[in-house]
N, C-alpha and C. Protein backbone atom coordinates (compact mmCIF):
# COMPACT_ATOMS: atom_id res chain seq x y z
N UNK A 1 -54.55 -37.91 -16.49
CA UNK A 1 -55.47 -36.89 -16.03
C UNK A 1 -56.70 -36.78 -16.95
N UNK A 2 -56.44 -36.85 -18.27
CA UNK A 2 -57.53 -36.77 -19.23
C UNK A 2 -58.49 -37.94 -19.08
N UNK A 3 -57.96 -39.13 -18.79
CA UNK A 3 -58.78 -40.32 -18.63
C UNK A 3 -59.71 -40.18 -17.43
N UNK A 4 -59.17 -39.69 -16.30
CA UNK A 4 -60.00 -39.50 -15.11
C UNK A 4 -61.10 -38.47 -15.36
N UNK A 5 -60.77 -37.39 -16.04
CA UNK A 5 -61.76 -36.35 -16.33
C UNK A 5 -62.85 -36.90 -17.25
N UNK A 6 -62.45 -37.72 -18.23
CA UNK A 6 -63.43 -38.31 -19.14
C UNK A 6 -64.35 -39.26 -18.40
N UNK A 7 -63.81 -40.09 -17.51
CA UNK A 7 -64.64 -41.02 -16.74
C UNK A 7 -65.62 -40.29 -15.83
N UNK A 8 -65.16 -39.22 -15.19
CA UNK A 8 -66.05 -38.44 -14.32
C UNK A 8 -67.15 -37.79 -15.15
N UNK A 9 -66.83 -37.30 -16.32
CA UNK A 9 -67.83 -36.69 -17.20
C UNK A 9 -68.84 -37.72 -17.68
N UNK A 10 -68.39 -38.92 -18.03
CA UNK A 10 -69.29 -39.99 -18.47
C UNK A 10 -70.23 -40.39 -17.34
N UNK A 11 -69.70 -40.56 -16.13
CA UNK A 11 -70.53 -40.92 -14.98
C UNK A 11 -71.55 -39.82 -14.71
N UNK A 12 -71.14 -38.57 -14.78
CA UNK A 12 -72.05 -37.45 -14.54
C UNK A 12 -73.17 -37.42 -15.58
N UNK A 13 -72.84 -37.68 -16.83
CA UNK A 13 -73.86 -37.70 -17.88
C UNK A 13 -74.83 -38.88 -17.69
N UNK A 14 -74.33 -40.04 -17.30
CA UNK A 14 -75.19 -41.19 -17.05
C UNK A 14 -76.14 -40.92 -15.88
N UNK A 15 -75.66 -40.28 -14.85
CA UNK A 15 -76.51 -39.92 -13.71
C UNK A 15 -77.57 -38.92 -14.15
N UNK A 16 -77.20 -37.94 -14.97
CA UNK A 16 -78.16 -36.95 -15.46
C UNK A 16 -79.25 -37.62 -16.31
N UNK A 17 -78.87 -38.58 -17.14
CA UNK A 17 -79.85 -39.29 -17.97
C UNK A 17 -80.79 -40.10 -17.08
N UNK A 18 -80.25 -40.78 -16.06
CA UNK A 18 -81.07 -41.57 -15.15
C UNK A 18 -82.05 -40.69 -14.39
N UNK A 19 -81.62 -39.55 -13.90
CA UNK A 19 -82.50 -38.63 -13.17
C UNK A 19 -83.58 -38.08 -14.09
N UNK A 20 -83.23 -37.77 -15.31
CA UNK A 20 -84.19 -37.22 -16.27
C UNK A 20 -85.28 -38.25 -16.60
N UNK A 21 -84.94 -39.51 -16.72
CA UNK A 21 -85.93 -40.54 -17.03
C UNK A 21 -86.91 -40.75 -15.89
N UNK A 22 -86.46 -40.66 -14.68
CA UNK A 22 -87.34 -40.88 -13.53
C UNK A 22 -88.23 -39.67 -13.24
N UNK A 23 -87.88 -38.51 -13.72
CA UNK A 23 -88.65 -37.31 -13.40
C UNK A 23 -89.76 -37.02 -14.41
N UNK A 24 -89.90 -37.86 -15.41
CA UNK A 24 -90.94 -37.61 -16.41
C UNK A 24 -92.31 -37.86 -15.81
N UNK A 25 -93.32 -37.17 -16.33
CA UNK A 25 -94.68 -37.26 -15.82
C UNK A 25 -95.29 -38.64 -16.00
N UNK A 26 -96.35 -38.88 -15.28
CA UNK A 26 -97.06 -40.15 -15.34
C UNK A 26 -97.90 -40.17 -16.61
N UNK A 27 -97.87 -41.26 -17.30
CA UNK A 27 -98.65 -41.44 -18.53
C UNK A 27 -99.91 -42.21 -18.17
N UNK A 28 -101.06 -41.71 -18.61
CA UNK A 28 -102.32 -42.38 -18.32
C UNK A 28 -102.81 -43.12 -19.55
N UNK A 29 -103.32 -44.31 -19.33
CA UNK A 29 -103.83 -45.12 -20.43
C UNK A 29 -105.21 -44.63 -20.87
N UNK A 30 -105.60 -45.05 -22.04
CA UNK A 30 -106.92 -44.70 -22.57
C UNK A 30 -108.01 -45.37 -21.73
N UNK A 31 -109.10 -44.68 -21.57
CA UNK A 31 -110.23 -45.22 -20.82
C UNK A 31 -110.75 -46.49 -21.51
N UNK A 32 -111.25 -47.44 -20.72
CA UNK A 32 -111.77 -48.67 -21.33
C UNK A 32 -112.98 -48.37 -22.22
N UNK A 33 -113.10 -49.14 -23.27
CA UNK A 33 -114.20 -48.96 -24.23
C UNK A 33 -115.12 -50.17 -24.14
N UNK A 34 -116.42 -49.91 -24.06
CA UNK A 34 -117.41 -50.97 -24.05
C UNK A 34 -118.03 -51.07 -25.45
N UNK A 35 -118.35 -52.27 -25.86
CA UNK A 35 -119.03 -52.49 -27.14
C UNK A 35 -120.32 -53.26 -26.89
N UNK A 36 -121.33 -52.99 -27.70
CA UNK A 36 -122.60 -53.69 -27.57
C UNK A 36 -123.16 -53.94 -28.96
N UNK A 37 -123.63 -55.17 -29.20
CA UNK A 37 -124.25 -55.55 -30.46
C UNK A 37 -125.76 -55.62 -30.24
N UNK A 38 -126.52 -54.95 -31.11
CA UNK A 38 -127.97 -54.86 -30.98
C UNK A 38 -128.62 -55.31 -32.28
N UNK A 39 -129.51 -56.29 -32.18
CA UNK A 39 -130.25 -56.78 -33.34
C UNK A 39 -131.52 -55.96 -33.50
N UNK A 40 -131.74 -55.41 -34.69
CA UNK A 40 -132.93 -54.59 -34.94
C UNK A 40 -133.79 -55.23 -36.01
N UNK A 41 -134.91 -54.58 -36.28
CA UNK A 41 -135.91 -55.07 -37.22
C UNK A 41 -136.44 -56.43 -36.76
N UNK A 42 -136.68 -56.56 -35.48
CA UNK A 42 -137.22 -57.80 -34.90
C UNK A 42 -138.52 -57.48 -34.18
N UNK A 43 -139.33 -58.48 -33.97
CA UNK A 43 -140.59 -58.32 -33.24
C UNK A 43 -140.30 -58.42 -31.74
N UNK A 44 -140.77 -57.43 -30.99
CA UNK A 44 -140.56 -57.39 -29.55
C UNK A 44 -141.92 -57.28 -28.87
N UNK A 45 -142.14 -58.12 -27.87
CA UNK A 45 -143.40 -58.06 -27.13
C UNK A 45 -143.42 -56.82 -26.25
N UNK A 46 -144.53 -56.10 -26.27
CA UNK A 46 -144.61 -54.86 -25.49
C UNK A 46 -144.58 -55.11 -23.99
N UNK A 47 -145.01 -56.30 -23.55
CA UNK A 47 -144.99 -56.61 -22.13
C UNK A 47 -143.75 -57.42 -21.73
N UNK A 48 -142.84 -57.65 -22.68
CA UNK A 48 -141.61 -58.35 -22.39
C UNK A 48 -141.72 -59.86 -22.41
N UNK A 49 -142.90 -60.40 -22.71
CA UNK A 49 -143.08 -61.85 -22.73
C UNK A 49 -143.20 -62.29 -24.18
N UNK A 50 -142.31 -63.18 -24.59
CA UNK A 50 -142.30 -63.64 -25.98
C UNK A 50 -143.54 -64.46 -26.28
N UNK A 51 -144.00 -64.39 -27.52
CA UNK A 51 -145.13 -65.19 -27.96
C UNK A 51 -146.47 -64.51 -27.76
N UNK A 52 -146.51 -63.32 -27.23
CA UNK A 52 -147.77 -62.60 -27.03
C UNK A 52 -148.19 -61.91 -28.32
N UNK A 53 -149.44 -61.53 -28.36
CA UNK A 53 -149.96 -60.87 -29.57
C UNK A 53 -149.52 -59.41 -29.68
N UNK A 54 -149.37 -58.73 -28.58
CA UNK A 54 -149.04 -57.31 -28.61
C UNK A 54 -147.54 -57.12 -28.86
N UNK A 55 -147.13 -57.36 -30.08
CA UNK A 55 -145.73 -57.18 -30.43
C UNK A 55 -145.59 -55.98 -31.34
N UNK A 56 -144.42 -55.40 -31.32
CA UNK A 56 -144.14 -54.28 -32.21
C UNK A 56 -142.74 -54.47 -32.78
N UNK A 57 -142.47 -53.80 -33.86
CA UNK A 57 -141.19 -53.91 -34.54
C UNK A 57 -140.17 -53.01 -33.85
N UNK A 58 -139.03 -53.59 -33.44
CA UNK A 58 -137.92 -52.82 -32.86
C UNK A 58 -137.04 -52.38 -34.03
N UNK A 59 -137.19 -51.13 -34.42
CA UNK A 59 -136.54 -50.63 -35.63
C UNK A 59 -135.14 -50.11 -35.35
N UNK A 60 -134.44 -49.86 -36.43
CA UNK A 60 -133.11 -49.27 -36.33
C UNK A 60 -133.18 -47.90 -35.68
N UNK A 61 -134.19 -47.13 -36.02
CA UNK A 61 -134.34 -45.80 -35.43
C UNK A 61 -134.59 -45.90 -33.92
N UNK A 62 -135.39 -46.88 -33.50
CA UNK A 62 -135.62 -47.08 -32.07
C UNK A 62 -134.31 -47.35 -31.34
N UNK A 63 -133.47 -48.22 -31.91
CA UNK A 63 -132.19 -48.54 -31.29
C UNK A 63 -131.26 -47.33 -31.25
N UNK A 64 -131.22 -46.57 -32.34
CA UNK A 64 -130.38 -45.37 -32.38
C UNK A 64 -130.83 -44.36 -31.33
N UNK A 65 -132.13 -44.17 -31.20
CA UNK A 65 -132.64 -43.23 -30.20
C UNK A 65 -132.33 -43.70 -28.78
N UNK A 66 -132.60 -44.97 -28.51
CA UNK A 66 -132.43 -45.51 -27.16
C UNK A 66 -130.96 -45.49 -26.72
N UNK A 67 -130.08 -46.00 -27.56
CA UNK A 67 -128.68 -46.08 -27.18
C UNK A 67 -127.97 -44.73 -27.29
N UNK A 68 -128.42 -43.86 -28.18
CA UNK A 68 -127.86 -42.52 -28.27
C UNK A 68 -128.11 -41.71 -27.01
N UNK A 69 -129.30 -41.83 -26.45
CA UNK A 69 -129.62 -41.13 -25.20
C UNK A 69 -128.78 -41.63 -24.04
N UNK A 70 -128.38 -42.89 -24.09
CA UNK A 70 -127.59 -43.49 -23.00
C UNK A 70 -126.08 -43.26 -23.19
N UNK A 71 -125.69 -42.51 -24.22
CA UNK A 71 -124.28 -42.18 -24.41
C UNK A 71 -123.50 -43.13 -25.31
N UNK A 72 -124.20 -44.02 -26.00
CA UNK A 72 -123.54 -44.95 -26.91
C UNK A 72 -123.39 -44.30 -28.28
N UNK A 73 -122.31 -44.62 -28.99
CA UNK A 73 -122.07 -44.13 -30.34
C UNK A 73 -122.10 -45.31 -31.30
N UNK A 74 -122.73 -45.11 -32.45
CA UNK A 74 -122.80 -46.16 -33.46
C UNK A 74 -121.43 -46.29 -34.13
N UNK A 75 -120.91 -47.53 -34.18
CA UNK A 75 -119.63 -47.79 -34.83
C UNK A 75 -119.86 -48.29 -36.24
N UNK A 76 -120.73 -49.30 -36.38
CA UNK A 76 -121.01 -49.86 -37.70
C UNK A 76 -122.32 -50.63 -37.65
N UNK A 77 -122.80 -51.01 -38.79
CA UNK A 77 -124.01 -51.84 -38.88
C UNK A 77 -123.83 -52.82 -40.02
N UNK A 78 -124.51 -53.94 -39.90
CA UNK A 78 -124.47 -54.93 -40.97
C UNK A 78 -125.79 -55.65 -41.03
N UNK A 79 -126.10 -56.18 -42.20
CA UNK A 79 -127.32 -56.96 -42.37
C UNK A 79 -127.05 -58.40 -41.95
N UNK A 80 -128.05 -59.02 -41.35
CA UNK A 80 -127.94 -60.41 -40.94
C UNK A 80 -128.56 -61.25 -42.04
N UNK A 81 -127.74 -62.08 -42.66
CA UNK A 81 -128.24 -62.94 -43.74
C UNK A 81 -128.95 -64.14 -43.16
N UNK A 82 -130.02 -64.60 -43.80
CA UNK A 82 -130.68 -65.81 -43.33
C UNK A 82 -129.74 -67.01 -43.42
N UNK A 83 -129.83 -67.91 -42.44
CA UNK A 83 -128.96 -69.09 -42.48
C UNK A 83 -129.60 -70.17 -43.35
N UNK A 84 -128.89 -71.25 -43.56
CA UNK A 84 -129.34 -72.31 -44.48
C UNK A 84 -130.58 -73.04 -43.99
N UNK A 85 -130.82 -73.05 -42.69
CA UNK A 85 -131.97 -73.80 -42.17
C UNK A 85 -133.27 -73.02 -42.33
N UNK A 86 -133.19 -71.79 -42.80
CA UNK A 86 -134.39 -71.00 -43.02
C UNK A 86 -134.94 -70.34 -41.78
N UNK A 87 -134.21 -70.37 -40.66
CA UNK A 87 -134.72 -69.76 -39.43
C UNK A 87 -134.36 -68.29 -39.32
N UNK A 88 -133.44 -67.81 -40.15
CA UNK A 88 -133.08 -66.40 -40.11
C UNK A 88 -134.12 -65.56 -40.84
N UNK A 89 -134.20 -64.30 -40.50
CA UNK A 89 -135.17 -63.41 -41.13
C UNK A 89 -134.41 -62.37 -41.93
N UNK A 90 -134.85 -62.15 -43.16
CA UNK A 90 -134.19 -61.14 -43.95
C UNK A 90 -134.61 -59.76 -43.46
N UNK A 91 -133.75 -58.80 -43.63
CA UNK A 91 -134.06 -57.45 -43.21
C UNK A 91 -133.57 -57.11 -41.82
N UNK A 92 -133.09 -58.06 -41.06
CA UNK A 92 -132.57 -57.75 -39.74
C UNK A 92 -131.20 -57.10 -39.87
N UNK A 93 -130.91 -56.22 -38.92
CA UNK A 93 -129.63 -55.55 -38.92
C UNK A 93 -128.97 -55.74 -37.57
N UNK A 94 -127.66 -55.77 -37.58
CA UNK A 94 -126.88 -55.83 -36.35
C UNK A 94 -126.15 -54.51 -36.23
N UNK A 95 -126.45 -53.76 -35.17
CA UNK A 95 -125.80 -52.48 -34.93
C UNK A 95 -124.75 -52.67 -33.84
N UNK A 96 -123.56 -52.14 -34.06
CA UNK A 96 -122.48 -52.21 -33.07
C UNK A 96 -122.29 -50.80 -32.50
N UNK A 97 -122.47 -50.69 -31.18
CA UNK A 97 -122.31 -49.42 -30.49
C UNK A 97 -121.06 -49.48 -29.60
N UNK A 98 -120.48 -48.32 -29.30
CA UNK A 98 -119.37 -48.22 -28.36
C UNK A 98 -119.61 -47.08 -27.39
N UNK A 99 -119.03 -47.23 -26.20
CA UNK A 99 -119.13 -46.18 -25.17
C UNK A 99 -117.84 -46.18 -24.39
N UNK A 100 -117.30 -44.99 -24.15
CA UNK A 100 -116.07 -44.86 -23.36
C UNK A 100 -116.42 -44.63 -21.92
């Protein structure tokens, strides 16, 4: 008699555990995150055509203002070192932005 009662109790507890696991709420994943790398301290043509005389410096502040208004957050920044061939420019920065 004790064995039958124990088996019935075990089965009842297993059913209760199974029902409890299925009744838990839905878990939602984190929203996707976008990242963007922006090179600053570079010469940008005001008319969008490279090689023109009317160029201006695209500064770090310009990038912060532009991307901040669009909802991007600055994650980090780093300086771009000139490469060995001499084609790199000192003083350029790479800004990494993120947006959810």
